[in-house]
PDB file of N, CA and C in Angstrom:
ATOM      1  N   MET A   1      -5.085 -95.414-257.838  1.00  0.00           N
ATOM      2  CA  MET A   1      -6.545 -95.674-257.722  1.00  0.00           C
ATOM      3  C   MET A   1      -6.911 -96.863-257.047  1.00  0.00           C
ATOM      4  N   ILE A   2      -8.091 -97.004-256.299  1.00  0.00           N
ATOM      5  CA  ILE A   2      -8.499 -98.125-255.779  1.00  0.00           C
ATOM      6  C   ILE A   2      -9.842 -98.657-256.319  1.00  0.00           C
ATOM      7  N   THR A   3      -9.962 -99.854-256.510  1.00  0.00           N
ATOM      8  CA  THR A   3     -11.003-100.429-256.997  1.00  0.00           C
ATOM      9  C   THR A   3     -12.072-100.674-255.869  1.00  0.00           C
ATOM     10  N   VAL A   4     -13.278-100.357-255.997  1.00  0.00           N
ATOM     11  CA  VAL A   4     -14.361-100.676-255.240  1.00  0.00           C
ATOM     12  C   VAL A   4     -15.775-100.979-256.008  1.00  0.00           C
ATOM     13  N   THR A   5     -16.660-101.424-255.268  1.00  0.00           N
ATOM     14  CA  THR A   5     -17.699-102.169-255.969  1.00  0.00           C
ATOM     15  C   THR A   5     -18.980-101.587-255.506  1.00  0.00           C
ATOM     16  N   ARG A   6     -19.812-101.098-256.624  1.00  0.00           N
ATOM     17  CA  ARG A   6     -21.237-100.601-256.425  1.00  0.00           C
ATOM     18  C   ARG A   6     -22.155-101.696-255.833  1.00  0.00           C
ATOM     19  N   LEU A   7     -23.285-101.315-255.389  1.00  0.00           N
ATOM     20  CA  LEU A   7     -24.093-102.144-255.007  1.00  0.00           C
ATOM     21  C   LEU A   7     -24.751-103.149-256.084  1.00  0.00           C
ATOM     22  N   ASP A   8     -24.792-102.825-257.218  1.00  0.00           N
ATOM     23  CA  ASP A   8     -25.108-103.500-258.354  1.00  0.00           C
ATOM     24  C   ASP A   8     -24.038-104.487-258.898  1.00  0.00           C
ATOM     25  N   GLY A   9     -22.955-104.476-258.142  1.00  0.00           N
ATOM     26  CA  GLY A   9     -21.791-105.274-258.529  1.00  0.00           C
ATOM     27  C   GLY A   9     -20.935-104.824-259.532  1.00  0.00           C
ATOM     28  N   ARG A  10     -21.053-103.534-260.002  1.00  0.00           N
ATOM     29  CA  ARG A  10     -20.166-103.038-261.061  1.00  0.00           C
ATOM     30  C   ARG A  10     -19.005-102.540-260.217  1.00  0.00           C
ATOM     31  N   HIS A  11     -17.853-102.770-260.693  1.00  0.00           N
ATOM     32  CA  HIS A  11     -16.357-102.025-260.164  1.00  0.00           C
ATOM     33  C   HIS A  11     -16.218-100.828-260.816  1.00  0.00           C
ATOM     34  N   PHE A  12     -15.587 -99.922-259.923  1.00  0.00           N
ATOM     35  CA  PHE A  12     -15.032 -98.552-260.495  1.00  0.00           C
ATOM     36  C   PHE A  12     -13.928 -98.085-259.550  1.00  0.00           C
ATOM     37  N   ALA A  13     -13.034 -97.493-260.233  1.00  0.00           N
ATOM     38  CA  ALA A  13     -11.869 -96.814-259.384  1.00  0.00           C
ATOM     39  C   ALA A  13     -12.063 -95.537-259.045  1.00  0.00           C
ATOM     40  N   VAL A  14     -11.443 -95.267-258.088  1.00  0.00           N
ATOM     41  CA  VAL A  14     -11.517 -93.785-257.276  1.00  0.00           C
ATOM     42  C   VAL A  14     -10.306 -93.564-256.787  1.00  0.00           C
ATOM     43  N   ASN A  15     -10.047 -92.114-256.794  1.00  0.00           N
ATOM     44  CA  ASN A  15      -8.758 -91.698-256.508  1.00  0.00           C
ATOM     45  C   ASN A  15      -8.782 -91.539-254.928  1.00  0.00           C
ATOM     46  N   PRO A  16      -8.081 -92.317-254.257  1.00  0.00           N
ATOM     47  CA  PRO A  16      -8.052 -92.240-252.664  1.00  0.00           C
ATOM     48  C   PRO A  16      -7.854 -90.835-252.055  1.00  0.00           C
ATOM     49  N   ASP A  17      -6.944 -90.123-252.636  1.00  0.00           N
ATOM     50  CA  ASP A  17      -6.600 -88.746-252.449  1.00  0.00           C
ATOM     51  C   ASP A  17      -7.829 -87.787-252.430  1.00  0.00           C
ATOM     52  N   LEU A  18      -8.696 -88.100-253.125  1.00  0.00           N
ATOM     53  CA  LEU A  18     -10.116 -87.281-253.074  1.00  0.00           C
ATOM     54  C   LEU A  18     -11.168 -87.581-252.206  1.00  0.00           C
ATOM     55  N   ILE A  19     -11.081 -88.757-251.400  1.00  0.00           N
ATOM     56  CA  ILE A  19     -12.016 -89.101-250.542  1.00  0.00           C
ATOM     57  C   ILE A  19     -11.597 -88.287-249.253  1.00  0.00           C
ATOM     58  N   ALA A  20     -12.835 -87.627-248.878  1.00  0.00           N
ATOM     59  CA  ALA A  20     -12.893 -86.771-247.716  1.00  0.00           C
ATOM     60  C   ALA A  20     -13.221 -87.340-246.614  1.00  0.00           C
ATOM     61  N   ARG A  21     -14.372 -88.520-246.559  1.00  0.00           N
ATOM     62  CA  ARG A  21     -15.025 -88.980-245.390  1.00  0.00           C
ATOM     63  C   ARG A  21     -15.594 -90.548-245.838  1.00  0.00           C
ATOM     64  N   ILE A  22     -15.448 -91.344-245.082  1.00  0.00           N
ATOM     65  CA  ILE A  22     -16.038 -92.632-245.289  1.00  0.00           C
ATOM     66  C   ILE A  22     -17.009 -92.902-243.897  1.00  0.00           C
ATOM     67  N   PHE A  23     -18.225 -93.364-244.302  1.00  0.00           N
ATOM     68  CA  PHE A  23     -19.298 -93.548-243.404  1.00  0.00           C
ATOM     69  C   PHE A  23     -19.601 -95.064-243.541  1.00  0.00           C
ATOM     70  N   GLU A  24     -20.284 -95.621-242.434  1.00  0.00           N
ATOM     71  CA  GLU A  24     -20.493 -96.927-242.491  1.00  0.00           C
ATOM     72  C   GLU A  24     -21.921 -97.134-241.551  1.00  0.00           C
ATOM     73  N   SER A  25     -22.898 -96.973-242.391  1.00  0.00           N
ATOM     74  CA  SER A  25     -24.117 -97.252-241.499  1.00  0.00           C
ATOM     75  C   SER A  25     -25.431 -97.788-242.115  1.00  0.00           C
ATOM     76  N   PRO A  26     -25.693 -98.899-242.553  1.00  0.00           N
ATOM     77  CA  PRO A  26     -24.798-100.036-242.587  1.00  0.00           C
ATOM     78  C   PRO A  26     -23.918-100.014-243.817  1.00  0.00           C
ATOM     79  N   ASP A  27     -24.490 -99.330-244.830  1.00  0.00           N
ATOM     80  CA  ASP A  27     -23.855 -99.261-246.184  1.00  0.00           C
ATOM     81  C   ASP A  27     -22.614 -98.496-246.004  1.00  0.00           C
ATOM     82  N   THR A  28     -21.542 -98.598-246.664  1.00  0.00           N
ATOM     83  CA  THR A  28     -20.347 -98.066-246.749  1.00  0.00           C
ATOM     84  C   THR A  28     -20.429 -96.898-247.752  1.00  0.00           C
ATOM     85  N   ILE A  29     -20.314 -95.502-247.384  1.00  0.00           N
ATOM     86  CA  ILE A  29     -20.401 -94.455-248.165  1.00  0.00           C
ATOM     87  C   ILE A  29     -19.286 -93.690-248.298  1.00  0.00           C
ATOM     88  N   LEU A  30     -18.662 -93.546-249.518  1.00  0.00           N
ATOM     89  CA  LEU A  30     -17.553 -92.585-249.671  1.00  0.00           C
ATOM     90  C   LEU A  30     -17.966 -91.213-250.009  1.00  0.00           C
ATOM     91  N   VAL A  31     -17.491 -90.311-249.428  1.00  0.00           N
ATOM     92  CA  VAL A  31     -17.796 -88.746-249.717  1.00  0.00           C
ATOM     93  C   VAL A  31     -16.650 -88.237-250.189  1.00  0.00           C
ATOM     94  N   MET A  32     -16.662 -87.849-251.418  1.00  0.00           N
ATOM     95  CA  MET A  32     -15.516 -87.291-252.187  1.00  0.00           C
ATOM     96  C   MET A  32     -15.344 -85.856-251.743  1.00  0.00           C
ATOM     97  N   ALA A  33     -14.083 -85.244-252.129  1.00  0.00           N
ATOM     98  CA  ALA A  33     -13.916 -83.729-251.866  1.00  0.00           C
ATOM     99  C   ALA A  33     -14.856 -82.842-252.511  1.00  0.00           C
ATOM    100  N   ASP A  34     -15.491 -83.355-253.708  1.00  0.00           N
ATOM    101  CA  ASP A  34     -16.092 -82.456-254.192  1.00  0.00           C
ATOM    102  C   ASP A  34     -17.665 -82.426-253.765  1.00  0.00           C
ATOM    103  N   GLY A  35     -17.910 -83.387-253.013  1.00  0.00           N
ATOM    104  CA  GLY A  35     -19.264 -83.723-252.343  1.00  0.00           C
ATOM    105  C   GLY A  35     -19.927 -84.805-252.902  1.00  0.00           C
ATOM    106  N   ALA A  36     -19.547 -85.453-254.079  1.00  0.00           N
ATOM    107  CA  ALA A  36     -19.910 -86.721-254.712  1.00  0.00           C
ATOM    108  C   ALA A  36     -20.025 -87.787-253.684  1.00  0.00           C
ATOM    109  N   ARG A  37     -21.242 -88.716-253.577  1.00  0.00           N
ATOM    110  CA  ARG A  37     -21.250 -89.901-252.743  1.00  0.00           C
ATOM    111  C   ARG A  37     -21.350 -91.023-253.391  1.00  0.00           C
ATOM    112  N   PHE A  38     -20.599 -91.897-252.997  1.00  0.00           N
ATOM    113  CA  PHE A  38     -20.616 -93.476-253.483  1.00  0.00           C
ATOM    114  C   PHE A  38     -20.892 -94.367-252.464  1.00  0.00           C
ATOM    115  N   ILE A  39     -21.797 -95.329-252.659  1.00  0.00           N
ATOM    116  CA  ILE A  39     -22.277 -96.443-251.939  1.00  0.00           C
ATOM    117  C   ILE A  39     -21.517 -97.561-252.389  1.00  0.00           C
ATOM    118  N   VAL A  40     -20.807 -98.325-251.686  1.00  0.00           N
ATOM    119  CA  VAL A  40     -19.994 -99.288-251.960  1.00  0.00           C
ATOM    120  C   VAL A  40     -20.347-100.754-251.030  1.00  0.00           C
ATOM    121  N   THR A  41     -20.208-101.819-251.826  1.00  0.00           N
ATOM    122  CA  THR A  41     -20.187-103.211-250.887  1.00  0.00           C
ATOM    123  C   THR A  41     -19.146-103.383-250.016  1.00  0.00           C
ATOM    124  N   GLU A  42     -18.031-102.801-250.094  1.00  0.00           N
ATOM    125  CA  GLU A  42     -16.889-102.925-249.083  1.00  0.00           C
ATOM    126  C   GLU A  42     -17.332-102.266-247.668  1.00  0.00           C
ATOM    127  N   SER A  43     -16.665-103.146-246.864  1.00  0.00           N
ATOM    128  CA  SER A  43     -16.616-102.422-245.568  1.00  0.00           C
ATOM    129  C   SER A  43     -15.755-101.225-245.439  1.00  0.00           C
ATOM    130  N   MET A  44     -15.752-100.353-244.473  1.00  0.00           N
ATOM    131  CA  MET A  44     -15.092 -99.214-244.121  1.00  0.00           C
ATOM    132  C   MET A  44     -13.616 -99.684-244.065  1.00  0.00           C
ATOM    133  N   ALA A  45     -13.433-100.767-243.037  1.00  0.00           N
ATOM    134  CA  ALA A  45     -12.135-101.236-242.663  1.00  0.00           C
ATOM    135  C   ALA A  45     -11.484-101.750-244.166  1.00  0.00           C
ATOM    136  N   ALA A  46     -12.260-102.304-244.857  1.00  0.00           N
ATOM    137  CA  ALA A  46     -11.684-102.972-246.391  1.00  0.00           C
ATOM    138  C   ALA A  46     -11.198-101.588-247.283  1.00  0.00           C
ATOM    139  N   VAL A  47     -11.955-100.557-247.081  1.00  0.00           N
ATOM    140  CA  VAL A  47     -11.545 -99.447-248.119  1.00  0.00           C
ATOM    141  C   VAL A  47     -10.439 -98.726-247.419  1.00  0.00           C
ATOM    142  N   ILE A  48     -10.315 -98.693-246.064  1.00  0.00           N
ATOM    143  CA  ILE A  48      -9.302 -98.102-245.426  1.00  0.00           C
ATOM    144  C   ILE A  48      -7.949 -99.099-245.807  1.00  0.00           C
ATOM    145  N   ASP A  49      -8.057-100.143-245.717  1.00  0.00           N
ATOM    146  CA  ASP A  49      -6.856-101.288-246.090  1.00  0.00           C
ATOM    147  C   ASP A  49      -6.526-101.032-247.430  1.00  0.00           C
ATOM    148  N   LYS A  50      -7.450-100.775-248.422  1.00  0.00           N
ATOM    149  CA  LYS A  50      -7.217-100.683-249.996  1.00  0.00           C
ATOM    150  C   LYS A  50      -6.349 -99.328-250.080  1.00  0.00           C
ATOM    151  N   ILE A  51      -6.709 -98.248-249.311  1.00  0.00           N
ATOM    152  CA  ILE A  51      -6.309 -97.081-249.391  1.00  0.00           C
ATOM    153  C   ILE A  51      -4.662 -97.053-248.873  1.00  0.00           C
ATOM    154  N   ALA A  52      -4.544 -97.887-247.774  1.00  0.00           N
ATOM    155  CA  ALA A  52      -3.261 -97.874-246.958  1.00  0.00           C
ATOM    156  C   ALA A  52      -2.410 -98.806-248.091  1.00  0.00           C
ATOM    157  N   ALA A  53      -3.023-100.064-248.772  1.00  0.00           N
ATOM    158  CA  ALA A  53      -1.953-100.799-249.623  1.00  0.00           C
ATOM    159  C   ALA A  53      -1.591 -99.844-250.889  1.00  0.00           C
ATOM    160  N   PHE A  54      -2.655 -98.959-251.479  1.00  0.00           N
ATOM    161  CA  PHE A  54      -2.307 -98.228-252.452  1.00  0.00           C
ATOM    162  C   PHE A  54      -1.108 -97.288-252.053  1.00  0.00           C
ATOM    163  N   ARG A  55      -1.379 -96.526-250.993  1.00  0.00           N
ATOM    164  CA  ARG A  55      -0.069 -95.649-250.688  1.00  0.00           C
ATOM    165  C   ARG A  55       1.176 -96.328-250.378  1.00  0.00           C
ATOM    166  N   ALA A  56       1.230 -97.685-249.890  1.00  0.00           N
ATOM    167  CA  ALA A  56       2.440 -98.284-249.608  1.00  0.00           C
ATOM    168  C   ALA A  56       2.840 -98.636-251.000  1.00  0.00           C
ATOM    169  N   GLN A  57       2.012 -98.954-252.038  1.00  0.00           N
ATOM    170  CA  GLN A  57       2.513 -99.318-253.428  1.00  0.00           C
ATOM    171  C   GLN A  57       3.206 -98.092-253.864  1.00  0.00           C
ATOM    172  N   VAL A  58       2.566 -96.842-253.786  1.00  0.00           N
ATOM    173  CA  VAL A  58       3.170 -95.654-254.256  1.00  0.00           C
ATOM    174  C   VAL A  58       4.792 -95.367-253.665  1.00  0.00           C
ATOM    175  N   ILE A  59       4.866 -95.683-252.426  1.00  0.00           N
ATOM    176  CA  ILE A  59       6.106 -95.327-251.856  1.00  0.00           C
ATOM    177  C   ILE A  59       6.994 -96.241-252.322  1.00  0.00           C
ATOM    178  N   ALA A  60       6.634 -97.620-252.292  1.00  0.00           N
ATOM    179  CA  ALA A  60       7.562 -98.718-252.829  1.00  0.00           C
ATOM    180  C   ALA A  60       8.074 -98.402-254.257  1.00  0.00           C
ATOM    181  N   THR A  61       7.119 -97.891-255.182  1.00  0.00           N
ATOM    182  CA  THR A  61       7.391 -97.696-256.597  1.00  0.00           C
ATOM    183  C   THR A  61       8.270 -96.637-256.566  1.00  0.00           C
ATOM    184  N   ALA A  62       8.117 -95.525-255.895  1.00  0.00           N
ATOM    185  CA  ALA A  62       8.831 -94.163-255.938  1.00  0.00           C
ATOM    186  C   ALA A  62      10.223 -94.714-255.470  1.00  0.00           C
ATOM    187  N   TYR A  63      10.364 -95.645-254.354  1.00  0.00           N
ATOM    188  CA  TYR A  63      11.724 -95.858-253.866  1.00  0.00           C
ATOM    189  C   TYR A  63      12.473 -96.744-254.524  1.00  0.00           C
ATOM    190  N   SER A  64      11.796 -97.708-255.260  1.00  0.00           N
ATOM    191  CA  SER A  64      12.662 -98.558-256.402  1.00  0.00           C
ATOM    192  C   SER A  64      12.988 -98.122-257.563  1.00  0.00           C
ATOM    193  N   GLU A  65      12.345 -96.916-258.121  1.00  0.00           N
ATOM    194  CA  GLU A  65      12.529 -96.262-259.262  1.00  0.00           C
ATOM    195  C   GLU A  65      13.465 -95.009-259.078  1.00  0.00           C
ATOM    196  N   ALA A  66      13.900 -94.637-257.766  1.00  0.00           N
ATOM    197  CA  ALA A  66      14.665 -93.368-257.407  1.00  0.00           C
ATOM    198  C   ALA A  66      15.986 -93.485-257.967  1.00  0.00           C
ATOM    199  N   PRO A  67      16.697 -92.402-258.659  1.00  0.00           N
ATOM    200  CA  PRO A  67      17.853 -92.822-259.071  1.00  0.00           C
ATOM    201  C   PRO A  67      18.914 -92.915-257.842  1.00  0.00           C
ATOM    202  N   ALA A  68      19.943 -93.619-258.146  1.00  0.00           N
ATOM    203  CA  ALA A  68      21.077 -93.693-257.207  1.00  0.00           C
ATOM    204  C   ALA A  68      21.674 -92.442-256.877  1.00  0.00           C
ATOM    205  N   PRO A  69      22.015 -92.303-255.509  1.00  0.00           N
ATOM    206  CA  PRO A  69      22.463 -90.858-255.161  1.00  0.00           C
ATOM    207  C   PRO A  69      23.557 -90.630-256.025  1.00  0.00           C
ATOM    208  N   ALA A  70      23.883 -89.426-256.334  1.00  0.00           N
ATOM    209  CA  ALA A  70      24.913 -88.677-257.042  1.00  0.00           C
ATOM    210  C   ALA A  70      26.331 -88.832-256.170  1.00  0.00           C
ATOM    211  N   LYS A  71      27.290 -89.103-256.842  1.00  0.00           N
ATOM    212  CA  LYS A  71      28.563 -89.074-256.120  1.00  0.00           C
ATOM    213  C   LYS A  71      28.874 -87.455-255.918  1.00  0.00           C
ATOM    214  N   ARG A  72      29.299 -87.238-254.810  1.00  0.00           N
ATOM    215  CA  ARG A  72      29.596 -85.901-254.228  1.00  0.00           C
ATOM    216  C   ARG A  72      31.110 -85.512-254.759  1.00  0.00           C
ATOM    217  N   THR A  73      30.870 -84.355-255.396  1.00  0.00           N
ATOM    218  CA  THR A  73      32.229 -83.938-256.197  1.00  0.00           C
ATOM    219  C   THR A  73      32.768 -82.610-255.170  1.00  0.00           C
ATOM    220  N   SER A  74      31.959 -82.143-254.343  1.00  0.00           N
ATOM    221  CA  SER A  74      32.395 -81.147-253.449  1.00  0.00           C
ATOM    222  C   SER A  74      31.650 -81.311-252.091  1.00  0.00           C
ATOM    223  N   HIS A  75      32.310 -80.685-251.035  1.00  0.00           N
ATOM    224  CA  HIS A  75      31.910 -80.906-249.590  1.00  0.00           C
ATOM    225  C   HIS A  75      31.475 -79.607-249.239  1.00  0.00           C
ATOM    226  N   LEU A  76      30.636 -79.527-248.161  1.00  0.00           N
ATOM    227  CA  LEU A  76      30.256 -78.220-247.598  1.00  0.00           C
ATOM    228  C   LEU A  76      31.294 -78.108-246.404  1.00  0.00           C
ATOM    229  N   SER A  77      31.769 -76.935-246.305  1.00  0.00           N
ATOM    230  CA  SER A  77      32.847 -76.488-245.390  1.00  0.00           C
ATOM    231  C   SER A  77      32.102 -76.035-244.208  1.00  0.00           C
ATOM    232  N   VAL A  78      32.726 -76.260-243.013  1.00  0.00           N
ATOM    233  CA  VAL A  78      32.028 -76.084-241.669  1.00  0.00           C
ATOM    234  C   VAL A  78      32.785 -74.841-241.225  1.00  0.00           C
ATOM    235  N   ILE A  79      32.047 -73.804-240.750  1.00  0.00           N
ATOM    236  CA  ILE A  79      32.833 -72.664-240.263  1.00  0.00           C
ATOM    237  C   ILE A  79      32.931 -72.797-238.798  1.00  0.00           C
ATOM    238  N   HIS A  80      33.818 -72.717-238.171  1.00  0.00           N
ATOM    239  CA  HIS A  80      34.125 -73.015-236.878  1.00  0.00           C
ATOM    240  C   HIS A  80      34.185 -71.488-236.263  1.00  0.00           C
ATOM    241  N   PRO A  81      33.789 -71.398-234.901  1.00  0.00           N
ATOM    242  CA  PRO A  81      33.872 -70.126-234.190  1.00  0.00           C
ATOM    243  C   PRO A  81      35.513 -69.601-234.110  1.00  0.00           C
ATOM    244  N   ALA A  82      35.623 -68.423-234.132  1.00  0.00           N
ATOM    245  CA  ALA A  82      36.822 -67.862-233.833  1.00  0.00           C
ATOM    246  C   ALA A  82      37.611 -68.511-232.641  1.00  0.00           C
ATOM    247  N   ASP A  83      38.859 -68.784-232.777  1.00  0.00           N
ATOM    248  CA  ASP A  83      39.444 -69.400-231.357  1.00  0.00           C
ATOM    249  C   ASP A  83      39.659 -68.115-230.473  1.00  0.00           C
ATOM    250  N   PRO A  84      39.271 -68.178-229.352  1.00  0.00           N
ATOM    251  CA  PRO A  84      39.440 -67.352-228.196  1.00  0.00           C
ATOM    252  C   PRO A  84      40.957 -66.971-227.667  1.00  0.00           C
ATOM    253  N   SER A  85      41.667 -67.919-228.115  1.00  0.00           N
ATOM    254  CA  SER A  85      43.035 -67.528-227.855  1.00  0.00           C
ATOM    255  C   SER A  85      43.607 -66.543-228.853  1.00  0.00           C
ATOM    256  N   ASP A  86      43.112 -66.195-229.962  1.00  0.00           N
ATOM    257  CA  ASP A  86      43.782 -65.253-230.832  1.00  0.00           C
ATOM    258  C   ASP A  86      43.207 -63.912-230.353  1.00  0.00           C
ATOM    259  N   GLY A  87      42.499 -63.693-229.306  1.00  0.00           N
ATOM    260  CA  GLY A  87      42.051 -62.293-229.001  1.00  0.00           C
ATOM    261  C   GLY A  87      40.733 -62.003-229.762  1.00  0.00           C
ATOM    262  N   THR A  88      39.996 -62.911-230.657  1.00  0.00           N
ATOM    263  CA  THR A  88      38.729 -62.402-231.245  1.00  0.00           C
ATOM    264  C   THR A  88      37.850 -62.873-230.328  1.00  0.00           C
ATOM    265  N   SER A  89      36.549 -62.193-230.459  1.00  0.00           N
ATOM    266  CA  SER A  89      35.402 -62.470-229.672  1.00  0.00           C
ATOM    267  C   SER A  89      34.491 -63.381-230.472  1.00  0.00           C
ATOM    268  N   THR A  90      33.842 -64.375-229.653  1.00  0.00           N
ATOM    269  CA  THR A  90      32.950 -65.287-230.417  1.00  0.00           C
ATOM    270  C   THR A  90      31.488 -64.686-230.443  1.00  0.00           C
ATOM    271  N   GLY A  91      31.309 -63.477-230.053  1.00  0.00           N
ATOM    272  CA  GLY A  91      29.939 -62.961-230.053  1.00  0.00           C
ATOM    273  C   GLY A  91      28.936 -63.254-228.913  1.00  0.00           C
ATOM    274  N   GLY A  92      29.504 -64.070-228.024  1.00  0.00           N
ATOM    275  CA  GLY A  92      28.645 -64.463-227.029  1.00  0.00           C
ATOM    276  C   GLY A  92      28.119 -63.500-225.999  1.00  0.00           C
ATOM    277  N   GLN A  93      28.603 -62.334-225.835  1.00  0.00           N
ATOM    278  CA  GLN A  93      28.223 -61.267-224.834  1.00  0.00           C
ATOM    279  C   GLN A  93      28.331 -59.717-225.599  1.00  0.00           C
TER     280      GLN A  93
END
């Protein structure tokens, strides 16, 4: 969630994944996926920066909390094409 400010000074949080559009003319308007509109005091650039910081935080948190890679107990085998010297065809023609 990102925190933004209404024109009356009250703060509220909004899910940035649900923001469909942002307009600035001159007030900044967040248009949500469901059609709801919020007028906020932050500039469009400031809202975009908050969204980018939020997403960076999500990725950093996921990365830092990810489990360590498991030790491999088996390996994938690689199947090589038949050796042409043994008289088998590789299917090229």
